[in-house]
Amino acid sequence: MKTVERMLWKLAIIQFIFLLIAQFVISHSSLAPYIVKVVHYEGVMKNSVLKTIETFDQR
């Protein structure tokens, strides 16, 4: 049982290290647009201005 616990601790530590590395890479400002695809889904990378529709009646 000691060997299984030791192996689980090693796996947890390795996973935590990879988590820290991934968080650093994603949060680094110059690498984020190339790695994170959310900016493409939200349309942030487009430089075009769209017409907006007013939803409130201006009385």
N, C-alpha and C. Protein backbone atom coordinates (compact mmCIF):
# COMPACT_ATOMS: atom_id res chain seq x y z
N MET A 1 0.82 -1.19 0.00
CA MET A 1 0.00 0.00 0.00
C MET A 1 0.86 1.26 0.00
N LYS A 2 2.04 1.17 0.62
CA LYS A 2 2.93 2.33 0.66
C LYS A 2 3.40 2.71 -0.74
N THR A 3 3.65 1.72 -1.59
CA THR A 3 4.13 2.02 -2.94
C THR A 3 3.05 2.70 -3.77
N VAL A 4 1.79 2.30 -3.58
CA VAL A 4 0.68 2.93 -4.31
C VAL A 4 0.51 4.37 -3.85
N GLU A 5 0.59 4.60 -2.56
CA GLU A 5 0.48 5.96 -2.04
C GLU A 5 1.62 6.83 -2.53
N ARG A 6 2.81 6.30 -2.55
CA ARG A 6 3.97 7.04 -3.03
C ARG A 6 3.81 7.39 -4.51
N MET A 7 3.31 6.44 -5.30
CA MET A 7 3.11 6.69 -6.72
C MET A 7 2.00 7.74 -6.94
N LEU A 8 0.94 7.69 -6.14
CA LEU A 8 -0.12 8.69 -6.25
C LEU A 8 0.38 10.09 -5.89
N TRP A 9 1.22 10.19 -4.87
CA TRP A 9 1.79 11.49 -4.51
C TRP A 9 2.66 12.03 -5.64
N LYS A 10 3.46 11.16 -6.24
CA LYS A 10 4.31 11.60 -7.35
C LYS A 10 3.47 12.06 -8.52
N LEU A 11 2.41 11.33 -8.84
CA LEU A 11 1.53 11.74 -9.94
C LEU A 11 0.84 13.07 -9.64
N ALA A 12 0.44 13.27 -8.39
CA ALA A 12 -0.21 14.53 -8.02
C ALA A 12 0.76 15.70 -8.13
N ILE A 13 1.99 15.51 -7.72
CA ILE A 13 2.99 16.57 -7.81
C ILE A 13 3.31 16.88 -9.27
N ILE A 14 3.45 15.85 -10.09
CA ILE A 14 3.73 16.06 -11.52
C ILE A 14 2.56 16.79 -12.18
N GLN A 15 1.33 16.41 -11.85
CA GLN A 15 0.16 17.07 -12.42
C GLN A 15 0.10 18.54 -11.99
N PHE A 16 0.43 18.83 -10.74
CA PHE A 16 0.45 20.21 -10.26
C PHE A 16 1.50 21.03 -10.98
N ILE A 17 2.66 20.45 -11.24
CA ILE A 17 3.71 21.16 -11.96
C ILE A 17 3.25 21.48 -13.38
N PHE A 18 2.62 20.50 -14.05
CA PHE A 18 2.12 20.75 -15.40
C PHE A 18 1.00 21.79 -15.39
N LEU A 19 0.19 21.81 -14.34
CA LEU A 19 -0.86 22.82 -14.23
C LEU A 19 -0.25 24.21 -14.13
N LEU A 20 0.78 24.37 -13.32
CA LEU A 20 1.44 25.67 -13.19
C LEU A 20 2.08 26.10 -14.51
N ILE A 21 2.70 25.17 -15.21
CA ILE A 21 3.32 25.50 -16.50
C ILE A 21 2.25 25.93 -17.50
N ALA A 22 1.13 25.19 -17.55
CA ALA A 22 0.07 25.53 -18.50
C ALA A 22 -0.56 26.87 -18.17
N GLN A 23 -0.76 27.16 -16.90
CA GLN A 23 -1.32 28.45 -16.52
C GLN A 23 -0.38 29.60 -16.88
N PHE A 24 0.91 29.40 -16.72
CA PHE A 24 1.88 30.43 -17.08
C PHE A 24 1.87 30.67 -18.59
N VAL A 25 1.83 29.60 -19.36
CA VAL A 25 1.86 29.74 -20.82
C VAL A 25 0.60 30.42 -21.32
N ILE A 26 -0.56 30.07 -20.76
CA ILE A 26 -1.81 30.68 -21.20
C ILE A 26 -1.89 32.14 -20.78
N SER A 27 -1.41 32.47 -19.59
CA SER A 27 -1.52 33.84 -19.11
C SER A 27 -0.44 34.76 -19.68
N HIS A 28 0.59 34.20 -20.28
CA HIS A 28 1.64 35.03 -20.88
C HIS A 28 1.05 35.77 -22.06
N SER A 29 1.17 37.07 -22.08
CA SER A 29 0.43 37.91 -23.03
C SER A 29 0.82 37.69 -24.49
N SER A 30 2.06 37.41 -24.78
CA SER A 30 2.45 37.28 -26.18
C SER A 30 2.09 35.92 -26.77
N LEU A 31 1.89 34.92 -25.95
CA LEU A 31 1.55 33.59 -26.44
C LEU A 31 0.06 33.30 -26.44
N ALA A 32 -0.71 34.05 -25.70
CA ALA A 32 -2.14 33.75 -25.51
C ALA A 32 -2.94 33.75 -26.81
N PRO A 33 -2.79 34.70 -27.73
CA PRO A 33 -3.61 34.66 -28.95
C PRO A 33 -3.34 33.44 -29.82
N TYR A 34 -2.16 32.85 -29.74
CA TYR A 34 -1.85 31.70 -30.55
C TYR A 34 -2.34 30.39 -29.93
N ILE A 35 -2.49 30.38 -28.61
CA ILE A 35 -2.86 29.14 -27.92
C ILE A 35 -4.35 29.09 -27.62
N VAL A 36 -4.88 30.17 -27.09
CA VAL A 36 -6.28 30.21 -26.67
C VAL A 36 -7.15 30.57 -27.87
N LYS A 37 -8.07 29.71 -28.23
CA LYS A 37 -8.91 29.93 -29.41
C LYS A 37 -10.19 30.69 -29.08
N VAL A 38 -10.41 31.07 -27.83
CA VAL A 38 -11.62 31.77 -27.45
C VAL A 38 -11.71 33.13 -28.13
N VAL A 39 -10.58 33.78 -28.35
CA VAL A 39 -10.61 35.10 -28.98
C VAL A 39 -11.13 35.01 -30.41
N HIS A 40 -10.92 33.89 -31.07
CA HIS A 40 -11.46 33.73 -32.42
C HIS A 40 -12.96 33.49 -32.38
N TYR A 41 -13.45 32.76 -31.38
CA TYR A 41 -14.88 32.50 -31.26
C TYR A 41 -15.64 33.76 -30.90
N GLU A 42 -15.04 34.62 -30.10
CA GLU A 42 -15.71 35.85 -29.69
C GLU A 42 -15.60 36.94 -30.74
N GLY A 43 -14.75 36.79 -31.70
CA GLY A 43 -14.60 37.79 -32.75
C GLY A 43 -13.71 38.94 -32.36
N VAL A 44 -12.85 38.75 -31.38
CA VAL A 44 -11.98 39.82 -30.91
C VAL A 44 -10.88 40.12 -31.93
N MET A 45 -10.48 39.11 -32.68
CA MET A 45 -9.37 39.28 -33.62
C MET A 45 -9.78 40.05 -34.88
N LYS A 46 -11.08 40.20 -35.13
CA LYS A 46 -11.53 40.92 -36.31
C LYS A 46 -11.40 42.42 -36.08
N ASN A 47 -11.00 43.14 -37.10
CA ASN A 47 -10.83 44.58 -36.99
C ASN A 47 -11.98 45.35 -37.63
N SER A 48 -13.08 44.70 -37.91
CA SER A 48 -14.20 45.37 -38.56
C SER A 48 -15.18 45.88 -37.50
N VAL A 49 -15.84 46.98 -37.84
CA VAL A 49 -16.83 47.57 -36.96
C VAL A 49 -18.20 47.20 -37.50
N LEU A 50 -19.02 46.61 -36.66
CA LEU A 50 -20.36 46.22 -37.07
C LEU A 50 -21.38 47.25 -36.61
N LYS A 51 -22.45 47.36 -37.37
CA LYS A 51 -23.53 48.25 -36.96
C LYS A 51 -24.25 47.63 -35.78
N THR A 52 -24.56 48.44 -34.81
CA THR A 52 -25.29 47.95 -33.64
C THR A 52 -26.75 48.29 -33.75
N ILE A 53 -27.57 47.47 -33.18
CA ILE A 53 -29.00 47.70 -33.21
C ILE A 53 -29.42 48.18 -31.83
N GLU A 54 -30.07 49.30 -31.79
CA GLU A 54 -30.56 49.83 -30.52
C GLU A 54 -31.79 49.03 -30.09
N THR A 55 -31.77 48.54 -28.88
CA THR A 55 -32.89 47.73 -28.40
C THR A 55 -33.85 48.54 -27.53
N PHE A 56 -33.43 49.70 -27.11
CA PHE A 56 -34.30 50.54 -26.27
C PHE A 56 -34.92 51.63 -27.13
N ASP A 57 -36.16 51.91 -26.84
CA ASP A 57 -36.86 52.97 -27.58
C ASP A 57 -36.46 54.31 -26.98
N GLN A 58 -35.94 55.20 -27.79
CA GLN A 58 -35.50 56.52 -27.33
C GLN A 58 -36.65 57.50 -27.47
N ARG A 59 -37.47 57.64 -26.44
CA ARG A 59 -38.64 58.54 -26.51
C ARG A 59 -38.33 59.86 -25.92
